[in-house]
Amino acid sequence: MHSIYCRYGAKAVAAVSSALVEQSEQLLRQRLMELPDGCWHARSYYEQPDKVMRIHLAMTKRADSLTSISPGRTNRCPPLSTAHTGRLGAPS
């Protein structure tokens, strides 16, 4: 990133970054409009050396919006990264 900032400047990098975020949002909202409205639930378990935590996530889709909630989980849960789990479910 440092070399990109040096080559193009902070203003250009910020403008491109902003445009990419905006484009990603537009594409996601377009795709959401193609899917039916509804509510989905998923449950996962996160193991730590001294305990197992249950994580329950609910997603509601209406028009071009998604709302997520965590309606229940056991114990207080530290912040978790779902990148690995999401990658496992991604189409190859």
C-alpha atoms as a PDB file:
ATOM      1  CA  MET A   1       0.000   0.000   0.000  1.00  0.00           C
ATOM      2  CA  HIS A   2       2.835   2.352   0.782  1.00  0.00           C
ATOM      3  CA  SER A   3       4.154   2.105  -2.786  1.00  0.00           C
ATOM      4  CA  ILE A   4       0.662   2.725  -4.195  1.00  0.00           C
ATOM      5  CA  TYR A   5       0.282   5.864  -2.058  1.00  0.00           C
ATOM      6  CA  CYS A   6       3.734   7.038  -3.110  1.00  0.00           C
ATOM      7  CA  ARG A   7       3.041   6.423  -6.786  1.00  0.00           C
ATOM      8  CA  TYR A   8      -0.493   7.830  -7.082  1.00  0.00           C
ATOM      9  CA  GLY A   9      -0.974  10.015  -4.014  1.00  0.00           C
ATOM     10  CA  ALA A  10      -3.433   9.845  -1.148  1.00  0.00           C
ATOM     11  CA  LYS A  11      -6.160  11.772  -2.973  1.00  0.00           C
ATOM     12  CA  ALA A  12      -6.202   9.357  -5.931  1.00  0.00           C
ATOM     13  CA  VAL A  13      -6.104   6.261  -3.715  1.00  0.00           C
ATOM     14  CA  ALA A  14      -8.976   7.616  -1.605  1.00  0.00           C
ATOM     15  CA  ALA A  15     -11.027   8.404  -4.725  1.00  0.00           C
ATOM     16  CA  VAL A  16     -10.505   4.925  -6.191  1.00  0.00           C
ATOM     17  CA  SER A  17     -11.240   3.269  -2.847  1.00  0.00           C
ATOM     18  CA  SER A  18     -14.457   5.250  -2.487  1.00  0.00           C
ATOM     19  CA  ALA A  19     -15.527   4.390  -6.045  1.00  0.00           C
ATOM     20  CA  LEU A  20     -14.884   0.681  -5.424  1.00  0.00           C
ATOM     21  CA  VAL A  21     -16.971   0.693  -2.246  1.00  0.00           C
ATOM     22  CA  GLU A  22     -19.813   2.481  -4.056  1.00  0.00           C
ATOM     23  CA  GLN A  23     -19.642   0.078  -7.008  1.00  0.00           C
ATOM     24  CA  SER A  24     -19.641  -2.951  -4.677  1.00  0.00           C
ATOM     25  CA  GLU A  25     -22.708  -1.637  -2.859  1.00  0.00           C
ATOM     26  CA  GLN A  26     -24.577  -1.062  -6.131  1.00  0.00           C
ATOM     27  CA  LEU A  27     -23.758  -4.561  -7.397  1.00  0.00           C
ATOM     28  CA  LEU A  28     -24.814  -6.179  -4.128  1.00  0.00           C
ATOM     29  CA  ARG A  29     -28.087  -4.254  -4.038  1.00  0.00           C
ATOM     30  CA  GLN A  30     -28.804  -5.272  -7.654  1.00  0.00           C
ATOM     31  CA  ARG A  31     -28.167  -8.903  -6.797  1.00  0.00           C
ATOM     32  CA  LEU A  32     -30.341  -8.705  -3.676  1.00  0.00           C
ATOM     33  CA  MET A  33     -33.251  -7.445  -5.781  1.00  0.00           C
ATOM     34  CA  GLU A  34     -33.050 -10.704  -7.781  1.00  0.00           C
ATOM     35  CA  LEU A  35     -33.512 -12.839  -4.652  1.00  0.00           C
ATOM     36  CA  PRO A  36     -36.761 -13.451  -2.758  1.00  0.00           C
ATOM     37  CA  ASP A  37     -37.401 -11.629   0.509  1.00  0.00           C
ATOM     38  CA  GLY A  38     -37.108 -13.782   3.589  1.00  0.00           C
ATOM     39  CA  CYS A  39     -35.299 -14.636   6.798  1.00  0.00           C
ATOM     40  CA  TRP A  40     -32.473 -17.144   7.189  1.00  0.00           C
ATOM     41  CA  HIS A  41     -30.863 -18.579  10.304  1.00  0.00           C
ATOM     42  CA  ALA A  42     -27.483 -20.224  10.802  1.00  0.00           C
ATOM     43  CA  ARG A  43     -25.875 -21.791  13.826  1.00  0.00           C
ATOM     44  CA  SER A  44     -22.207 -22.489  14.353  1.00  0.00           C
ATOM     45  CA  TYR A  45     -20.000 -23.527  17.214  1.00  0.00           C
ATOM     46  CA  TYR A  46     -16.738 -21.891  18.184  1.00  0.00           C
ATOM     47  CA  GLU A  47     -14.395 -24.040  20.243  1.00  0.00           C
ATOM     48  CA  GLN A  48     -11.930 -22.609  22.690  1.00  0.00           C
ATOM     49  CA  PRO A  49      -9.695 -24.617  25.024  1.00  0.00           C
ATOM     50  CA  ASP A  50     -12.021 -24.183  28.005  1.00  0.00           C
ATOM     51  CA  LYS A  51     -15.488 -23.921  26.399  1.00  0.00           C
ATOM     52  CA  VAL A  52     -17.639 -24.252  23.306  1.00  0.00           C
ATOM     53  CA  MET A  53     -19.755 -21.276  22.284  1.00  0.00           C
ATOM     54  CA  ARG A  54     -22.886 -21.502  20.161  1.00  0.00           C
ATOM     55  CA  ILE A  55     -23.291 -18.668  17.669  1.00  0.00           C
ATOM     56  CA  HIS A  56     -26.684 -18.069  16.070  1.00  0.00           C
ATOM     57  CA  LEU A  57     -27.099 -15.540  13.275  1.00  0.00           C
ATOM     58  CA  ALA A  58     -30.321 -14.440  11.594  1.00  0.00           C
ATOM     59  CA  MET A  59     -30.405 -12.471   8.339  1.00  0.00           C
ATOM     60  CA  THR A  60     -33.506 -10.776   6.977  1.00  0.00           C
ATOM     61  CA  LYS A  61     -33.621  -9.711   3.336  1.00  0.00           C
ATOM     62  CA  ARG A  62     -36.164  -7.123   2.175  1.00  0.00           C
ATOM     63  CA  ALA A  63     -35.895  -5.560  -1.280  1.00  0.00           C
ATOM     64  CA  ASP A  64     -32.240  -4.462  -1.557  1.00  0.00           C
ATOM     65  CA  SER A  65     -31.409  -4.554   2.175  1.00  0.00           C
ATOM     66  CA  LEU A  66     -29.987  -7.128   4.563  1.00  0.00           C
ATOM     67  CA  THR A  67     -30.351  -6.928   8.328  1.00  0.00           C
ATOM     68  CA  SER A  68     -28.479  -9.281  10.601  1.00  0.00           C
ATOM     69  CA  ILE A  69     -28.992 -10.023  14.252  1.00  0.00           C
ATOM     70  CA  SER A  70     -27.474 -12.485  16.708  1.00  0.00           C
ATOM     71  CA  PRO A  71     -30.569 -13.665  18.581  1.00  0.00           C
ATOM     72  CA  GLY A  72     -28.763 -16.090  20.860  1.00  0.00           C
ATOM     73  CA  ARG A  73     -25.387 -17.345  21.870  1.00  0.00           C
ATOM     74  CA  THR A  74     -23.907 -19.098  24.849  1.00  0.00           C
ATOM     75  CA  ASN A  75     -21.489 -17.158  27.030  1.00  0.00           C
ATOM     76  CA  ARG A  76     -19.948 -13.833  26.162  1.00  0.00           C
ATOM     77  CA  CYS A  77     -18.202 -14.202  22.869  1.00  0.00           C
ATOM     78  CA  PRO A  78     -15.045 -12.374  21.762  1.00  0.00           C
ATOM     79  CA  PRO A  79     -15.044 -10.764  18.326  1.00  0.00           C
ATOM     80  CA  LEU A  80     -14.787 -13.493  15.703  1.00  0.00           C
ATOM     81  CA  SER A  81     -13.608 -13.560  12.129  1.00  0.00           C
ATOM     82  CA  THR A  82     -15.976 -15.451   9.852  1.00  0.00           C
ATOM     83  CA  ALA A  83     -13.692 -15.247   6.814  1.00  0.00           C
ATOM     84  CA  HIS A  84     -12.543 -18.858   7.133  1.00  0.00           C
ATOM     85  CA  THR A  85     -16.068 -20.230   7.623  1.00  0.00           C
ATOM     86  CA  GLY A  86     -17.414 -18.082   4.801  1.00  0.00           C
ATOM     87  CA  ARG A  87     -14.664 -19.257   2.497  1.00  0.00           C
ATOM     88  CA  LEU A  88     -15.563 -22.880   3.208  1.00  0.00           C
ATOM     89  CA  GLY A  89     -19.132 -22.226   2.057  1.00  0.00           C
ATOM     90  CA  ALA A  90     -18.116 -20.267  -1.026  1.00  0.00           C
ATOM     91  CA  PRO A  91     -18.575 -21.878  -4.425  1.00  0.00           C
ATOM     92  CA  SER A  92     -15.332 -23.003  -6.016  1.00  0.00           C
END
